Amino acid sequence: MSIQGARVEEKLFQNRYLVDSGKPHITIEPHSKPSKNLVAMTTLCPAGCYAENGAGQIEITPDGCLECGTCRILCEPSGDIVWNYPRGGYGVLFKFG
């Protein structure tokens, strides 16, 4: 199948991500109850990095983050997250585009 007709998941699989162990570029600020914006990120993040745990807290796994900025626009101004660019040489490595 050509890349043109591939599903989004298949296209995302083509990208590579160099994990910076112990130094995530996105962190979620401590919260007792997640904001609506954080909850929205569980469905809005194109890489699926945000998830709700069994205790009702939102967690992030930044491995595989596309650095698209969706969470920065939605959550950073309200203080829900801290977002920085990954250190040089780490982060997403796009294969196509």
PDB file of N, CA and C in Angstrom:
ATOM      1  N   MET A   1       0.832  -1.168   0.000  1.00  0.00           N
ATOM      2  CA  MET A   1       0.000   0.000   0.000  1.00  0.00           C
ATOM      3  C   MET A   1       0.885   1.242   0.000  1.00  0.00           C
ATOM      4  N   SER A   2       0.533   2.217  -0.794  1.00  0.00           N
ATOM      5  CA  SER A   2       1.312   3.446  -0.834  1.00  0.00           C
ATOM      6  C   SER A   2       1.048   4.264   0.416  1.00  0.00           C
ATOM      7  N   ILE A   3       1.941   5.176   0.719  1.00  0.00           N
ATOM      8  CA  ILE A   3       1.777   6.022   1.899  1.00  0.00           C
ATOM      9  C   ILE A   3       0.574   6.944   1.725  1.00  0.00           C
ATOM     10  N   GLN A   4       0.187   7.227   0.480  1.00  0.00           N
ATOM     11  CA  GLN A   4      -0.957   8.101   0.202  1.00  0.00           C
ATOM     12  C   GLN A   4      -2.247   7.504   0.753  1.00  0.00           C
ATOM     13  N   GLY A   5      -2.445   6.195   0.604  1.00  0.00           N
ATOM     14  CA  GLY A   5      -3.685   5.557   1.026  1.00  0.00           C
ATOM     15  C   GLY A   5      -3.629   4.961   2.416  1.00  0.00           C
ATOM     16  N   ALA A   6      -2.557   5.198   3.153  1.00  0.00           N
ATOM     17  CA  ALA A   6      -2.392   4.597   4.476  1.00  0.00           C
ATOM     18  C   ALA A   6      -3.242   5.318   5.513  1.00  0.00           C
ATOM     19  N   ARG A   7      -3.600   4.585   6.558  1.00  0.00           N
ATOM     20  CA  ARG A   7      -4.317   5.174   7.685  1.00  0.00           C
ATOM     21  C   ARG A   7      -3.352   6.027   8.496  1.00  0.00           C
ATOM     22  N   VAL A   8      -3.900   6.902   9.334  1.00  0.00           N
ATOM     23  CA  VAL A   8      -3.083   7.795  10.145  1.00  0.00           C
ATOM     24  C   VAL A   8      -2.105   7.004  11.005  1.00  0.00           C
ATOM     25  N   GLU A   9      -2.577   5.927  11.634  1.00  0.00           N
ATOM     26  CA  GLU A   9      -1.712   5.125  12.500  1.00  0.00           C
ATOM     27  C   GLU A   9      -0.521   4.561  11.725  1.00  0.00           C
ATOM     28  N   GLU A  10      -0.766   4.145  10.494  1.00  0.00           N
ATOM     29  CA  GLU A  10       0.318   3.595   9.671  1.00  0.00           C
ATOM     30  C   GLU A  10       1.328   4.681   9.308  1.00  0.00           C
ATOM     31  N   LYS A  11       0.852   5.886   9.060  1.00  0.00           N
ATOM     32  CA  LYS A  11       1.759   6.997   8.762  1.00  0.00           C
ATOM     33  C   LYS A  11       2.570   7.370   9.997  1.00  0.00           C
ATOM     34  N   LEU A  12       1.910   7.416  11.164  1.00  0.00           N
ATOM     35  CA  LEU A  12       2.621   7.750  12.389  1.00  0.00           C
ATOM     36  C   LEU A  12       3.693   6.721  12.714  1.00  0.00           C
ATOM     37  N   PHE A  13       3.450   5.476  12.354  1.00  0.00           N
ATOM     38  CA  PHE A  13       4.422   4.421  12.617  1.00  0.00           C
ATOM     39  C   PHE A  13       5.725   4.660  11.858  1.00  0.00           C
ATOM     40  N   GLN A  14       5.666   5.404  10.760  1.00  0.00           N
ATOM     41  CA  GLN A  14       6.859   5.686   9.968  1.00  0.00           C
ATOM     42  C   GLN A  14       7.817   6.641  10.683  1.00  0.00           C
ATOM     43  N   ASN A  15       7.277   7.455  11.599  1.00  0.00           N
ATOM     44  CA  ASN A  15       8.116   8.387  12.348  1.00  0.00           C
ATOM     45  C   ASN A  15       8.898   7.626  13.416  1.00  0.00           C
ATOM     46  N   ARG A  16       9.982   8.176  13.820  1.00  0.00           N
ATOM     47  CA  ARG A  16      10.778   7.593  14.900  1.00  0.00           C
ATOM     48  C   ARG A  16      10.893   8.624  16.011  1.00  0.00           C
ATOM     49  N   TYR A  17      11.130   8.148  17.200  1.00  0.00           N
ATOM     50  CA  TYR A  17      11.201   9.022  18.352  1.00  0.00           C
ATOM     51  C   TYR A  17      12.388   8.604  19.199  1.00  0.00           C
ATOM     52  N   LEU A  18      13.278   9.531  19.449  1.00  0.00           N
ATOM     53  CA  LEU A  18      14.423   9.257  20.304  1.00  0.00           C
ATOM     54  C   LEU A  18      14.090   9.754  21.703  1.00  0.00           C
ATOM     55  N   VAL A  19      13.852   8.823  22.614  1.00  0.00           N
ATOM     56  CA  VAL A  19      13.415   9.137  23.975  1.00  0.00           C
ATOM     57  C   VAL A  19      14.581   9.673  24.799  1.00  0.00           C
ATOM     58  N   ASP A  20      14.345  10.777  25.478  1.00  0.00           N
ATOM     59  CA  ASP A  20      15.319  11.366  26.389  1.00  0.00           C
ATOM     60  C   ASP A  20      14.958  10.881  27.789  1.00  0.00           C
ATOM     61  N   SER A  21      15.439   9.713  28.148  1.00  0.00           N
ATOM     62  CA  SER A  21      15.066   9.067  29.412  1.00  0.00           C
ATOM     63  C   SER A  21      15.293   9.984  30.607  1.00  0.00           C
ATOM     64  N   GLY A  22      14.268  10.097  31.418  1.00  0.00           N
ATOM     65  CA  GLY A  22      14.362  10.883  32.643  1.00  0.00           C
ATOM     66  C   GLY A  22      14.215  12.373  32.454  1.00  0.00           C
ATOM     67  N   LYS A  23      14.080  12.853  31.215  1.00  0.00           N
ATOM     68  CA  LYS A  23      13.949  14.285  30.971  1.00  0.00           C
ATOM     69  C   LYS A  23      12.808  14.540  29.984  1.00  0.00           C
ATOM     70  N   PRO A  24      11.556  14.285  30.406  1.00  0.00           N
ATOM     71  CA  PRO A  24      10.434  14.499  29.487  1.00  0.00           C
ATOM     72  C   PRO A  24      10.289  15.982  29.143  1.00  0.00           C
ATOM     73  N   HIS A  25       9.904  16.267  27.922  1.00  0.00           N
ATOM     74  CA  HIS A  25       9.756  17.668  27.512  1.00  0.00           C
ATOM     75  C   HIS A  25       8.369  18.224  27.852  1.00  0.00           C
ATOM     76  N   ILE A  26       7.458  17.361  28.271  1.00  0.00           N
ATOM     77  CA  ILE A  26       6.138  17.791  28.723  1.00  0.00           C
ATOM     78  C   ILE A  26       5.876  17.161  30.082  1.00  0.00           C
ATOM     79  N   THR A  27       5.420  17.977  31.013  1.00  0.00           N
ATOM     80  CA  THR A  27       4.997  17.453  32.305  1.00  0.00           C
ATOM     81  C   THR A  27       3.639  18.060  32.648  1.00  0.00           C
ATOM     82  N   ILE A  28       2.843  17.302  33.366  1.00  0.00           N
ATOM     83  CA  ILE A  28       1.545  17.774  33.822  1.00  0.00           C
ATOM     84  C   ILE A  28       1.707  18.254  35.252  1.00  0.00           C
ATOM     85  N   GLU A  29       1.185  19.439  35.513  1.00  0.00           N
ATOM     86  CA  GLU A  29       1.247  19.986  36.863  1.00  0.00           C
ATOM     87  C   GLU A  29       0.344  19.156  37.777  1.00  0.00           C
ATOM     88  N   PRO A  30       0.727  19.002  39.034  1.00  0.00           N
ATOM     89  CA  PRO A  30      -0.107  18.235  39.969  1.00  0.00           C
ATOM     90  C   PRO A  30      -1.524  18.822  40.033  1.00  0.00           C
ATOM     91  N   HIS A  31      -2.502  17.936  40.084  1.00  0.00           N
ATOM     92  CA  HIS A  31      -3.893  18.376  40.135  1.00  0.00           C
ATOM     93  C   HIS A  31      -4.720  17.378  40.937  1.00  0.00           C
ATOM     94  N   SER A  32      -5.699  17.915  41.684  1.00  0.00           N
ATOM     95  CA  SER A  32      -6.594  17.017  42.418  1.00  0.00           C
ATOM     96  C   SER A  32      -7.712  16.539  41.500  1.00  0.00           C
ATOM     97  N   LYS A  33      -8.183  17.440  40.657  1.00  0.00           N
ATOM     98  CA  LYS A  33      -9.192  17.095  39.655  1.00  0.00           C
ATOM     99  C   LYS A  33      -8.724  17.695  38.338  1.00  0.00           C
ATOM    100  N   PRO A  34      -8.648  16.889  37.275  1.00  0.00           N
ATOM    101  CA  PRO A  34      -8.142  17.423  36.013  1.00  0.00           C
ATOM    102  C   PRO A  34      -9.082  18.470  35.414  1.00  0.00           C
ATOM    103  N   SER A  35      -8.484  19.473  34.786  1.00  0.00           N
ATOM    104  CA  SER A  35      -9.281  20.501  34.120  1.00  0.00           C
ATOM    105  C   SER A  35      -9.942  19.909  32.879  1.00  0.00           C
ATOM    106  N   LYS A  36     -10.930  20.628  32.351  1.00  0.00           N
ATOM    107  CA  LYS A  36     -11.588  20.185  31.117  1.00  0.00           C
ATOM    108  C   LYS A  36     -10.582  20.092  29.980  1.00  0.00           C
ATOM    109  N   ASN A  37      -9.607  20.998  29.969  1.00  0.00           N
ATOM    110  CA  ASN A  37      -8.592  20.984  28.904  1.00  0.00           C
ATOM    111  C   ASN A  37      -7.736  19.721  28.965  1.00  0.00           C
ATOM    112  N   LEU A  38      -7.336  19.331  30.173  1.00  0.00           N
ATOM    113  CA  LEU A  38      -6.543  18.105  30.297  1.00  0.00           C
ATOM    114  C   LEU A  38      -7.345  16.882  29.879  1.00  0.00           C
ATOM    115  N   VAL A  39      -8.590  16.835  30.281  1.00  0.00           N
ATOM    116  CA  VAL A  39      -9.447  15.710  29.894  1.00  0.00           C
ATOM    117  C   VAL A  39      -9.604  15.687  28.379  1.00  0.00           C
ATOM    118  N   ALA A  40      -9.753  16.859  27.764  1.00  0.00           N
ATOM    119  CA  ALA A  40      -9.893  16.940  26.304  1.00  0.00           C
ATOM    120  C   ALA A  40      -8.657  16.400  25.601  1.00  0.00           C
ATOM    121  N   MET A  41      -7.496  16.551  26.200  1.00  0.00           N
ATOM    122  CA  MET A  41      -6.260  16.080  25.556  1.00  0.00           C
ATOM    123  C   MET A  41      -6.240  14.566  25.392  1.00  0.00           C
ATOM    124  N   THR A  42      -7.028  13.842  26.182  1.00  0.00           N
ATOM    125  CA  THR A  42      -7.073  12.381  26.037  1.00  0.00           C
ATOM    126  C   THR A  42      -7.654  11.978  24.689  1.00  0.00           C
ATOM    127  N   THR A  43      -8.410  12.863  24.062  1.00  0.00           N
ATOM    128  CA  THR A  43      -8.949  12.571  22.721  1.00  0.00           C
ATOM    129  C   THR A  43      -8.347  13.463  21.647  1.00  0.00           C
ATOM    130  N   LEU A  44      -7.832  14.638  22.014  1.00  0.00           N
ATOM    131  CA  LEU A  44      -7.307  15.574  21.012  1.00  0.00           C
ATOM    132  C   LEU A  44      -5.863  15.318  20.602  1.00  0.00           C
ATOM    133  N   CYS A  45      -5.073  14.748  21.475  1.00  0.00           N
ATOM    134  CA  CYS A  45      -3.655  14.520  21.155  1.00  0.00           C
ATOM    135  C   CYS A  45      -3.557  13.522  20.007  1.00  0.00           C
ATOM    136  N   PRO A  46      -3.001  13.933  18.861  1.00  0.00           N
ATOM    137  CA  PRO A  46      -2.947  13.020  17.715  1.00  0.00           C
ATOM    138  C   PRO A  46      -2.049  11.808  17.944  1.00  0.00           C
ATOM    139  N   ALA A  47      -1.116  11.914  18.867  1.00  0.00           N
ATOM    140  CA  ALA A  47      -0.222  10.788  19.143  1.00  0.00           C
ATOM    141  C   ALA A  47      -0.728   9.924  20.295  1.00  0.00           C
ATOM    142  N   GLY A  48      -1.815  10.329  20.946  1.00  0.00           N
ATOM    143  CA  GLY A  48      -2.366   9.545  22.045  1.00  0.00           C
ATOM    144  C   GLY A  48      -1.490   9.527  23.279  1.00  0.00           C
ATOM    145  N   CYS A  49      -0.809  10.630  23.550  1.00  0.00           N
ATOM    146  CA  CYS A  49       0.118  10.678  24.683  1.00  0.00           C
ATOM    147  C   CYS A  49      -0.572  10.878  26.026  1.00  0.00           C
ATOM    148  N   TYR A  50      -1.803  11.388  26.026  1.00  0.00           N
ATOM    149  CA  TYR A  50      -2.518  11.673  27.265  1.00  0.00           C
ATOM    150  C   TYR A  50      -3.531  10.571  27.545  1.00  0.00           C
ATOM    151  N   ALA A  51      -3.643  10.179  28.822  1.00  0.00           N
ATOM    152  CA  ALA A  51      -4.605   9.142  29.213  1.00  0.00           C
ATOM    153  C   ALA A  51      -5.041   9.379  30.651  1.00  0.00           C
ATOM    154  N   GLU A  52      -6.247   8.927  30.951  1.00  0.00           N
ATOM    155  CA  GLU A  52      -6.754   9.009  32.310  1.00  0.00           C
ATOM    156  C   GLU A  52      -6.450   7.701  33.024  1.00  0.00           C
ATOM    157  N   ASN A  53      -5.897   7.797  34.233  1.00  0.00           N
ATOM    158  CA  ASN A  53      -5.584   6.581  34.987  1.00  0.00           C
ATOM    159  C   ASN A  53      -6.787   6.166  35.824  1.00  0.00           C
ATOM    160  N   GLY A  54      -6.670   5.087  36.546  1.00  0.00           N
ATOM    161  CA  GLY A  54      -7.766   4.552  37.350  1.00  0.00           C
ATOM    162  C   GLY A  54      -8.212   5.469  38.467  1.00  0.00           C
ATOM    163  N   ALA A  55      -7.353   6.392  38.889  1.00  0.00           N
ATOM    164  CA  ALA A  55      -7.683   7.325  39.963  1.00  0.00           C
ATOM    165  C   ALA A  55      -8.322   8.608  39.433  1.00  0.00           C
ATOM    166  N   GLY A  56      -8.564   8.674  38.120  1.00  0.00           N
ATOM    167  CA  GLY A  56      -9.182   9.853  37.532  1.00  0.00           C
ATOM    168  C   GLY A  56      -8.221  10.983  37.245  1.00  0.00           C
ATOM    169  N   GLN A  57      -6.936  10.705  37.314  1.00  0.00           N
ATOM    170  CA  GLN A  57      -5.907  11.699  37.015  1.00  0.00           C
ATOM    171  C   GLN A  57      -5.463  11.553  35.560  1.00  0.00           C
ATOM    172  N   ILE A  58      -5.067  12.657  34.970  1.00  0.00           N
ATOM    173  CA  ILE A  58      -4.543  12.615  33.606  1.00  0.00           C
ATOM    174  C   ILE A  58      -3.037  12.459  33.682  1.00  0.00           C
ATOM    175  N   GLU A  59      -2.522  11.514  32.897  1.00  0.00           N
ATOM    176  CA  GLU A  59      -1.079  11.250  32.820  1.00  0.00           C
ATOM    177  C   GLU A  59      -0.622  11.435  31.388  1.00  0.00           C
ATOM    178  N   ILE A  60       0.657  11.694  31.236  1.00  0.00           N
ATOM    179  CA  ILE A  60       1.226  11.822  29.897  1.00  0.00           C
ATOM    180  C   ILE A  60       2.400  10.876  29.741  1.00  0.00           C
ATOM    181  N   THR A  61       2.473  10.298  28.569  1.00  0.00           N
ATOM    182  CA  THR A  61       3.637   9.520  28.161  1.00  0.00           C
ATOM    183  C   THR A  61       4.187  10.235  26.930  1.00  0.00           C
ATOM    184  N   PRO A  62       5.194  11.097  27.108  1.00  0.00           N
ATOM    185  CA  PRO A  62       5.645  11.924  25.991  1.00  0.00           C
ATOM    186  C   PRO A  62       6.412  11.163  24.904  1.00  0.00           C
ATOM    187  N   ASP A  63       6.690   9.874  25.130  1.00  0.00           N
ATOM    188  CA  ASP A  63       7.339   9.071  24.093  1.00  0.00           C
ATOM    189  C   ASP A  63       6.388   8.997  22.906  1.00  0.00           C
ATOM    190  N   GLY A  64       6.818   9.421  21.772  1.00  0.00           N
ATOM    191  CA  GLY A  64       5.981   9.405  20.584  1.00  0.00           C
ATOM    192  C   GLY A  64       5.276  10.726  20.323  1.00  0.00           C
ATOM    193  N   CYS A  65       5.501  11.733  21.154  1.00  0.00           N
ATOM    194  CA  CYS A  65       4.900  13.046  20.957  1.00  0.00           C
ATOM    195  C   CYS A  65       5.331  13.608  19.601  1.00  0.00           C
ATOM    196  N   LEU A  66       4.368  14.140  18.861  1.00  0.00           N
ATOM    197  CA  LEU A  66       4.648  14.699  17.535  1.00  0.00           C
ATOM    198  C   LEU A  66       5.066  16.160  17.598  1.00  0.00           C
ATOM    199  N   GLU A  67       5.075  16.750  18.787  1.00  0.00           N
ATOM    200  CA  GLU A  67       5.432  18.148  18.975  1.00  0.00           C
ATOM    201  C   GLU A  67       4.576  19.057  18.099  1.00  0.00           C
ATOM    202  N   CYS A  68       3.287  18.712  17.982  1.00  0.00           N
ATOM    203  CA  CYS A  68       2.373  19.469  17.127  1.00  0.00           C
ATOM    204  C   CYS A  68       1.912  20.767  17.766  1.00  0.00           C
ATOM    205  N   GLY A  69       1.941  20.841  19.093  1.00  0.00           N
ATOM    206  CA  GLY A  69       1.556  22.053  19.790  1.00  0.00           C
ATOM    207  C   GLY A  69       0.120  22.092  20.267  1.00  0.00           C
ATOM    208  N   THR A  70      -0.661  21.045  20.017  1.00  0.00           N
ATOM    209  CA  THR A  70      -2.054  21.034  20.454  1.00  0.00           C
ATOM    210  C   THR A  70      -2.159  21.256  21.958  1.00  0.00           C
ATOM    211  N   CYS A  71      -1.371  20.546  22.726  1.00  0.00           N
ATOM    212  CA  CYS A  71      -1.450  20.680  24.183  1.00  0.00           C
ATOM    213  C   CYS A  71      -0.917  22.037  24.643  1.00  0.00           C
ATOM    214  N   ARG A  72       0.035  22.588  23.918  1.00  0.00           N
ATOM    215  CA  ARG A  72       0.541  23.917  24.278  1.00  0.00           C
ATOM    216  C   ARG A  72      -0.545  24.963  24.138  1.00  0.00           C
ATOM    217  N   ILE A  73      -1.301  24.886  23.051  1.00  0.00           N
ATOM    218  CA  ILE A  73      -2.368  25.859  22.798  1.00  0.00           C
ATOM    219  C   ILE A  73      -3.482  25.708  23.821  1.00  0.00           C
ATOM    220  N   LEU A  74      -3.829  24.478  24.134  1.00  0.00           N
ATOM    221  CA  LEU A  74      -4.973  24.220  25.001  1.00  0.00           C
ATOM    222  C   LEU A  74      -4.643  24.304  26.491  1.00  0.00           C
ATOM    223  N   CYS A  75      -3.490  23.806  26.892  1.00  0.00           N
ATOM    224  CA  CYS A  75      -3.219  23.616  28.323  1.00  0.00           C
ATOM    225  C   CYS A  75      -2.125  24.496  28.918  1.00  0.00           C
ATOM    226  N   GLU A  76      -1.151  24.905  28.135  1.00  0.00           N
ATOM    227  CA  GLU A  76      -0.034  25.643  28.718  1.00  0.00           C
ATOM    228  C   GLU A  76      -0.452  27.007  29.281  1.00  0.00           C
ATOM    229  N   PRO A  77      -1.299  27.785  28.578  1.00  0.00           N
ATOM    230  CA  PRO A  77      -1.668  29.099  29.133  1.00  0.00           C
ATOM    231  C   PRO A  77      -2.386  29.016  30.480  1.00  0.00           C
ATOM    232  N   SER A  78      -3.118  27.936  30.717  1.00  0.00           N
ATOM    233  CA  SER A  78      -3.845  27.794  31.983  1.00  0.00           C
ATOM    234  C   SER A  78      -2.988  27.176  33.083  1.00  0.00           C
ATOM    235  N   GLY A  79      -1.770  26.784  32.751  1.00  0.00           N
ATOM    236  CA  GLY A  79      -0.868  26.227  33.756  1.00  0.00           C
ATOM    237  C   GLY A  79      -1.045  24.747  34.008  1.00  0.00           C
ATOM    238  N   ASP A  80      -1.792  24.053  33.146  1.00  0.00           N
ATOM    239  CA  ASP A  80      -2.006  22.617  33.331  1.00  0.00           C
ATOM    240  C   ASP A  80      -0.755  21.797  33.017  1.00  0.00           C
ATOM    241  N   ILE A  81       0.049  22.291  32.077  1.00  0.00           N
ATOM    242  CA  ILE A  81       1.258  21.562  31.674  1.00  0.00           C
ATOM    243  C   ILE A  81       2.451  22.512  31.614  1.00  0.00           C
ATOM    244  N   VAL A  82       3.628  21.917  31.600  1.00  0.00           N
ATOM    245  CA  VAL A  82       4.867  22.638  31.305  1.00  0.00           C
ATOM    246  C   VAL A  82       5.430  21.970  30.065  1.00  0.00           C
ATOM    247  N   TRP A  83       5.632  22.742  29.012  1.00  0.00           N
ATOM    248  CA  TRP A  83       6.071  22.215  27.715  1.00  0.00           C
ATOM    249  C   TRP A  83       7.366  22.902  27.318  1.00  0.00           C
ATOM    250  N   ASN A  84       8.353  22.119  26.959  1.00  0.00           N
ATOM    251  CA  ASN A  84       9.621  22.621  26.438  1.00  0.00           C
ATOM    252  C   ASN A  84       9.965  21.811  25.205  1.00  0.00           C
ATOM    253  N   TYR A  85      10.764  22.381  24.334  1.00  0.00           N
ATOM    254  CA  TYR A  85      11.256  21.583  23.217  1.00  0.00           C
ATOM    255  C   TYR A  85      12.177  20.504  23.774  1.00  0.00           C
ATOM    256  N   PRO A  86      12.190  19.324  23.159  1.00  0.00           N
ATOM    257  CA  PRO A  86      13.143  18.303  23.599  1.00  0.00           C
ATOM    258  C   PRO A  86      14.576  18.801  23.413  1.00  0.00           C
ATOM    259  N   ARG A  87      15.476  18.273  24.221  1.00  0.00           N
ATOM    260  CA  ARG A  87      16.890  18.632  24.053  1.00  0.00           C
ATOM    261  C   ARG A  87      17.341  18.249  22.653  1.00  0.00           C
ATOM    262  N   GLY A  88      18.379  18.903  22.184  1.00  0.00           N
ATOM    263  CA  GLY A  88      18.905  18.650  20.845  1.00  0.00           C
ATOM    264  C   GLY A  88      19.172  17.180  20.585  1.00  0.00           C
ATOM    265  N   GLY A  89      18.690  16.688  19.458  1.00  0.00           N
ATOM    266  CA  GLY A  89      18.901  15.298  19.075  1.00  0.00           C
ATOM    267  C   GLY A  89      17.832  14.339  19.572  1.00  0.00           C
ATOM    268  N   TYR A  90      16.936  14.817  20.452  1.00  0.00           N
ATOM    269  CA  TYR A  90      15.878  13.972  20.983  1.00  0.00           C
ATOM    270  C   TYR A  90      14.539  14.415  20.433  1.00  0.00           C
ATOM    271  N   GLY A  91      13.542  13.573  20.590  1.00  0.00           N
ATOM    272  CA  GLY A  91      12.192  13.906  20.156  1.00  0.00           C
ATOM    273  C   GLY A  91      11.829  13.176  18.878  1.00  0.00           C
ATOM    274  N   VAL A  92      10.845  13.716  18.186  1.00  0.00           N
ATOM    275  CA  VAL A  92      10.313  13.064  16.981  1.00  0.00           C
ATOM    276  C   VAL A  92      11.278  13.258  15.803  1.00  0.00           C
ATOM    277  N   LEU A  93      11.403  12.192  15.024  1.00  0.00           N
ATOM    278  CA  LEU A  93      12.222  12.226  13.803  1.00  0.00           C
ATOM    279  C   LEU A  93      11.290  11.851  12.668  1.00  0.00           C
ATOM    280  N   PHE A  94      10.808  12.850  11.918  1.00  0.00           N
ATOM    281  CA  PHE A  94       9.842  12.600  10.860  1.00  0.00           C
ATOM    282  C   PHE A  94      10.515  11.970   9.671  1.00  0.00           C
ATOM    283  N   LYS A  95       9.903  10.912   9.157  1.00  0.00           N
ATOM    284  CA  LYS A  95      10.446  10.222   7.992  1.00  0.00           C
ATOM    285  C   LYS A  95       9.877  10.806   6.704  1.00  0.00           C
ATOM    286  N   PHE A  96       8.588  11.146   6.727  1.00  0.00           N
ATOM    287  CA  PHE A  96       7.942  11.710   5.562  1.00  0.00           C
ATOM    288  C   PHE A  96       7.504  13.120   5.863  1.00  0.00           C
ATOM    289  N   GLY A  97       7.835  14.057   4.984  1.00  0.00           N
ATOM    290  CA  GLY A  97       7.374  15.443   5.156  1.00  0.00           C
ATOM    291  C   GLY A  97       8.355  16.216   5.874  1.00  0.00           C
TER     292      GLY A  97
END
